[in-house]
Amino acid sequence: MSQLITPFEQTTSFILSTGNQRLKIKTELASSDIEIFQALNYRTKKEFTQPLTLKFSNPLAQSFVKMNFSFPVEMIAVDYLTYKVKKAQFIPAKKEGGDFIQGFSEYKLIIFGPKGFCKKNKIEEDKTIIEIK
C-alpha cells in the first residue's frame, strides 16, 4: 500500500458533552476507506498536531484500521445509535515489526487523540456524548 499525503485534507469539529460540560474540538477527518485504514500510520509524534476522527459511512459494516503507530495515542470509540463513548483506551507505541489490523463495527466514530486527551477533556465511557458537526 502506498501512503497518502498527511494531514488529510478534510477537517471537522465535534461537540463533546459530559454532564454540564460542552466542548467544541476541531479535528482532522478520515472518511474514505483508505484514509481510515491508514489512520495515523507513517506519521511521527511531531506530525500528530490535532486529533484524528475516523467517520464510518456504514457503522454496521466492519471497517479496518492498520494500527502500527510509532507513538502512543488514546482511542475513543463512539456508538452509532447513542453517540456515547463506548470505549476509551490507551494504545502504546508499536515497537515490534509486523502489522496489527483492528476491525471496528457498530461505531459511528473513532477518535485518536494524544496521550492525556481523555483526562484533559474529562471523557468517560458511557457518560460522554460526542456528536460530529
C-alpha atoms as a PDB file:
ATOM      1  CA  MET A   1       0.000   0.000   0.000  1.00  0.00           C
ATOM      2  CA  SER A   2       1.359   3.412  -0.854  1.00  0.00           C
ATOM      3  CA  GLN A   3       0.815   6.073   1.756  1.00  0.00           C
ATOM      4  CA  LEU A   4      -1.487   9.047   1.453  1.00  0.00           C
ATOM      5  CA  ILE A   5      -0.289  12.598   1.992  1.00  0.00           C
ATOM      6  CA  THR A   6      -0.916  13.760   5.534  1.00  0.00           C
ATOM      7  CA  PRO A   7      -2.522  15.546   7.175  1.00  0.00           C
ATOM      8  CA  PHE A   8      -5.702  14.576   5.330  1.00  0.00           C
ATOM      9  CA  GLU A   9      -7.423  17.470   3.545  1.00  0.00           C
ATOM     10  CA  GLN A  10     -10.726  17.438   5.413  1.00  0.00           C
ATOM     11  CA  THR A  11     -11.318  18.705   8.926  1.00  0.00           C
ATOM     12  CA  THR A  12     -14.366  18.601  11.165  1.00  0.00           C
ATOM     13  CA  SER A  13     -15.404  19.553  14.660  1.00  0.00           C
ATOM     14  CA  PHE A  14     -17.200  17.559  17.278  1.00  0.00           C
ATOM     15  CA  ILE A  15     -19.155  18.560  20.346  1.00  0.00           C
ATOM     16  CA  LEU A  16     -18.124  16.658  23.460  1.00  0.00           C
ATOM     17  CA  SER A  17     -20.666  16.605  26.316  1.00  0.00           C
ATOM     18  CA  THR A  18     -20.033  15.213  29.786  1.00  0.00           C
ATOM     19  CA  GLY A  19     -22.557  16.334  32.401  1.00  0.00           C
ATOM     20  CA  ASN A  20     -22.811  20.127  32.130  1.00  0.00           C
ATOM     21  CA  GLN A  21     -19.520  20.475  30.226  1.00  0.00           C
ATOM     22  CA  ARG A  22     -19.699  21.059  26.457  1.00  0.00           C
ATOM     23  CA  LEU A  23     -16.568  21.470  24.355  1.00  0.00           C
ATOM     24  CA  LYS A  24     -16.105  22.000  20.628  1.00  0.00           C
ATOM     25  CA  ILE A  25     -12.934  20.345  19.349  1.00  0.00           C
ATOM     26  CA  LYS A  26     -11.514  20.679  15.822  1.00  0.00           C
ATOM     27  CA  THR A  27     -10.041  17.516  14.290  1.00  0.00           C
ATOM     28  CA  GLU A  28      -8.588  16.145  11.114  1.00  0.00           C
ATOM     29  CA  LEU A  29     -11.132  13.900   9.320  1.00  0.00           C
ATOM     30  CA  ALA A  30     -10.626  10.498   7.700  1.00  0.00           C
ATOM     31  CA  SER A  31     -13.794   9.451   5.867  1.00  0.00           C
ATOM     32  CA  SER A  32     -12.701   7.369   2.872  1.00  0.00           C
ATOM     33  CA  ASP A  33     -11.859   3.683   3.359  1.00  0.00           C
ATOM     34  CA  ILE A  34      -8.189   4.233   2.513  1.00  0.00           C
ATOM     35  CA  GLU A  35      -7.859   7.216   4.888  1.00  0.00           C
ATOM     36  CA  ILE A  36      -9.494   5.191   7.666  1.00  0.00           C
ATOM     37  CA  PHE A  37      -7.203   2.222   7.006  1.00  0.00           C
ATOM     38  CA  GLN A  38      -4.063   4.389   7.028  1.00  0.00           C
ATOM     39  CA  ALA A  39      -5.167   6.473  10.055  1.00  0.00           C
ATOM     40  CA  LEU A  40      -2.009   7.684  11.843  1.00  0.00           C
ATOM     41  CA  ASN A  41       0.456   5.323  10.192  1.00  0.00           C
ATOM     42  CA  TYR A  42       3.524   6.865   8.529  1.00  0.00           C
ATOM     43  CA  ARG A  43       3.397   9.837  10.903  1.00  0.00           C
ATOM     44  CA  THR A  44       5.680  10.904  13.689  1.00  0.00           C
ATOM     45  CA  LYS A  45       4.527  12.190  17.046  1.00  0.00           C
ATOM     46  CA  LYS A  46       5.589  15.677  15.886  1.00  0.00           C
ATOM     47  CA  GLU A  47       3.248  15.409  12.844  1.00  0.00           C
ATOM     48  CA  PHE A  48       0.276  14.444  15.052  1.00  0.00           C
ATOM     49  CA  THR A  49      -0.826  18.032  15.703  1.00  0.00           C
ATOM     50  CA  GLN A  50      -4.573  17.571  16.267  1.00  0.00           C
ATOM     51  CA  PRO A  51      -6.954  14.687  16.987  1.00  0.00           C
ATOM     52  CA  LEU A  52      -7.976  12.469  14.061  1.00  0.00           C
ATOM     53  CA  THR A  53     -11.631  11.467  13.613  1.00  0.00           C
ATOM     54  CA  LEU A  54     -12.462   8.321  11.634  1.00  0.00           C
ATOM     55  CA  LYS A  55     -16.038   8.680  10.349  1.00  0.00           C
ATOM     56  CA  PHE A  56     -17.530   5.411   9.160  1.00  0.00           C
ATOM     57  CA  SER A  57     -20.026   5.641   6.292  1.00  0.00           C
ATOM     58  CA  ASN A  58     -21.776   2.435   7.382  1.00  0.00           C
ATOM     59  CA  PRO A  59     -21.296   1.680  11.087  1.00  0.00           C
ATOM     60  CA  LEU A  60     -22.793  -1.810  10.653  1.00  0.00           C
ATOM     61  CA  ALA A  61     -20.162  -2.880   8.107  1.00  0.00           C
ATOM     62  CA  GLN A  62     -16.801  -3.723   9.623  1.00  0.00           C
ATOM     63  CA  SER A  63     -14.077  -1.172   8.851  1.00  0.00           C
ATOM     64  CA  PHE A  64     -10.404  -1.941   9.268  1.00  0.00           C
ATOM     65  CA  VAL A  65      -7.638   0.280  10.655  1.00  0.00           C
ATOM     66  CA  LYS A  66      -3.926  -0.506  10.484  1.00  0.00           C
ATOM     67  CA  MET A  67      -2.626   0.323  13.958  1.00  0.00           C
ATOM     68  CA  ASN A  68       1.166   0.453  13.692  1.00  0.00           C
ATOM     69  CA  PHE A  69       1.517   3.846  15.341  1.00  0.00           C
ATOM     70  CA  SER A  70       5.056   4.869  16.259  1.00  0.00           C
ATOM     71  CA  PHE A  71       3.825   6.980  19.212  1.00  0.00           C
ATOM     72  CA  PRO A  72       1.230   6.475  21.969  1.00  0.00           C
ATOM     73  CA  VAL A  73      -2.373   7.569  21.338  1.00  0.00           C
ATOM     74  CA  GLU A  74      -5.737   7.396  23.035  1.00  0.00           C
ATOM     75  CA  MET A  75      -8.624   5.854  21.120  1.00  0.00           C
ATOM     76  CA  ILE A  76     -12.224   6.917  21.732  1.00  0.00           C
ATOM     77  CA  ALA A  77     -14.978   4.751  20.185  1.00  0.00           C
ATOM     78  CA  VAL A  78     -18.439   6.346  19.756  1.00  0.00           C
ATOM     79  CA  ASP A  79     -21.607   4.211  19.491  1.00  0.00           C
ATOM     80  CA  TYR A  80     -23.597   4.727  16.279  1.00  0.00           C
ATOM     81  CA  LEU A  81     -27.010   4.810  17.997  1.00  0.00           C
ATOM     82  CA  THR A  82     -26.459   6.718  21.240  1.00  0.00           C
ATOM     83  CA  TYR A  83     -23.310   8.732  20.364  1.00  0.00           C
ATOM     84  CA  LYS A  84     -21.988   7.727  23.793  1.00  0.00           C
ATOM     85  CA  VAL A  85     -18.343   6.877  24.262  1.00  0.00           C
ATOM     86  CA  LYS A  86     -18.299   3.083  24.472  1.00  0.00           C
ATOM     87  CA  LYS A  87     -14.546   2.688  24.775  1.00  0.00           C
ATOM     88  CA  ALA A  88     -11.691   4.975  25.794  1.00  0.00           C
ATOM     89  CA  GLN A  89      -8.394   3.155  25.512  1.00  0.00           C
ATOM     90  CA  PHE A  90      -4.687   3.948  25.663  1.00  0.00           C
ATOM     91  CA  ILE A  91      -2.661   2.451  22.781  1.00  0.00           C
ATOM     92  CA  PRO A  92       1.094   2.334  23.384  1.00  0.00           C
ATOM     93  CA  ALA A  93       3.593   2.946  20.582  1.00  0.00           C
ATOM     94  CA  LYS A  94       4.227  -0.164  18.490  1.00  0.00           C
ATOM     95  CA  LYS A  95       7.823  -1.197  18.905  1.00  0.00           C
ATOM     96  CA  GLU A  96       7.992  -4.562  17.138  1.00  0.00           C
ATOM     97  CA  GLY A  97       7.562  -5.386  13.457  1.00  0.00           C
ATOM     98  CA  GLY A  98       4.502  -6.816  11.768  1.00  0.00           C
ATOM     99  CA  ASP A  99       1.064  -5.452  11.050  1.00  0.00           C
ATOM    100  CA  PHE A 100      -1.747  -5.139  13.571  1.00  0.00           C
ATOM    101  CA  ILE A 101      -5.075  -4.576  11.857  1.00  0.00           C
ATOM    102  CA  GLN A 102      -8.108  -3.784  14.005  1.00  0.00           C
ATOM    103  CA  GLY A 103     -11.687  -4.195  12.778  1.00  0.00           C
ATOM    104  CA  PHE A 104     -14.466  -1.925  14.058  1.00  0.00           C
ATOM    105  CA  SER A 105     -18.229  -2.194  13.707  1.00  0.00           C
ATOM    106  CA  GLU A 106     -21.199  -0.537  15.415  1.00  0.00           C
ATOM    107  CA  TYR A 107     -19.204   2.640  15.971  1.00  0.00           C
ATOM    108  CA  LYS A 108     -20.085   5.916  14.289  1.00  0.00           C
ATOM    109  CA  LEU A 109     -16.704   7.461  15.037  1.00  0.00           C
ATOM    110  CA  ILE A 110     -13.270   6.544  16.285  1.00  0.00           C
ATOM    111  CA  ILE A 111     -11.207   9.464  17.537  1.00  0.00           C
ATOM    112  CA  PHE A 112      -7.457   9.257  18.054  1.00  0.00           C
ATOM    113  CA  GLY A 113      -6.053  11.837  20.436  1.00  0.00           C
ATOM    114  CA  PRO A 114      -2.654  12.391  22.015  1.00  0.00           C
ATOM    115  CA  LYS A 115      -1.769  10.753  25.321  1.00  0.00           C
ATOM    116  CA  GLY A 116      -3.743  12.504  28.092  1.00  0.00           C
ATOM    117  CA  PHE A 117      -6.551  13.663  25.753  1.00  0.00           C
ATOM    118  CA  CYS A 118      -9.315  11.781  27.639  1.00  0.00           C
ATOM    119  CA  LYS A 119      -8.272  13.043  31.063  1.00  0.00           C
ATOM    120  CA  LYS A 120      -7.795  16.625  29.840  1.00  0.00           C
ATOM    121  CA  ASN A 121     -11.292  16.671  28.271  1.00  0.00           C
ATOM    122  CA  LYS A 122     -12.972  14.572  31.015  1.00  0.00           C
ATOM    123  CA  ILE A 123     -14.044  11.852  28.579  1.00  0.00           C
ATOM    124  CA  GLU A 124     -15.739   8.929  30.343  1.00  0.00           C
ATOM    125  CA  GLU A 125     -17.102   5.669  28.968  1.00  0.00           C
ATOM    126  CA  ASP A 126     -20.946   5.533  28.899  1.00  0.00           C
ATOM    127  CA  LYS A 127     -21.165   9.133  30.210  1.00  0.00           C
ATOM    128  CA  THR A 128     -19.634  11.298  27.474  1.00  0.00           C
ATOM    129  CA  ILE A 129     -21.583  12.021  24.271  1.00  0.00           C
ATOM    130  CA  ILE A 130     -19.741  13.044  21.101  1.00  0.00           C
ATOM    131  CA  GLU A 131     -21.568  14.464  18.078  1.00  0.00           C
ATOM    132  CA  ILE A 132     -19.850  15.496  14.873  1.00  0.00           C
ATOM    133  CA  LYS A 133     -20.723  18.945  13.488  1.00  0.00           C
END
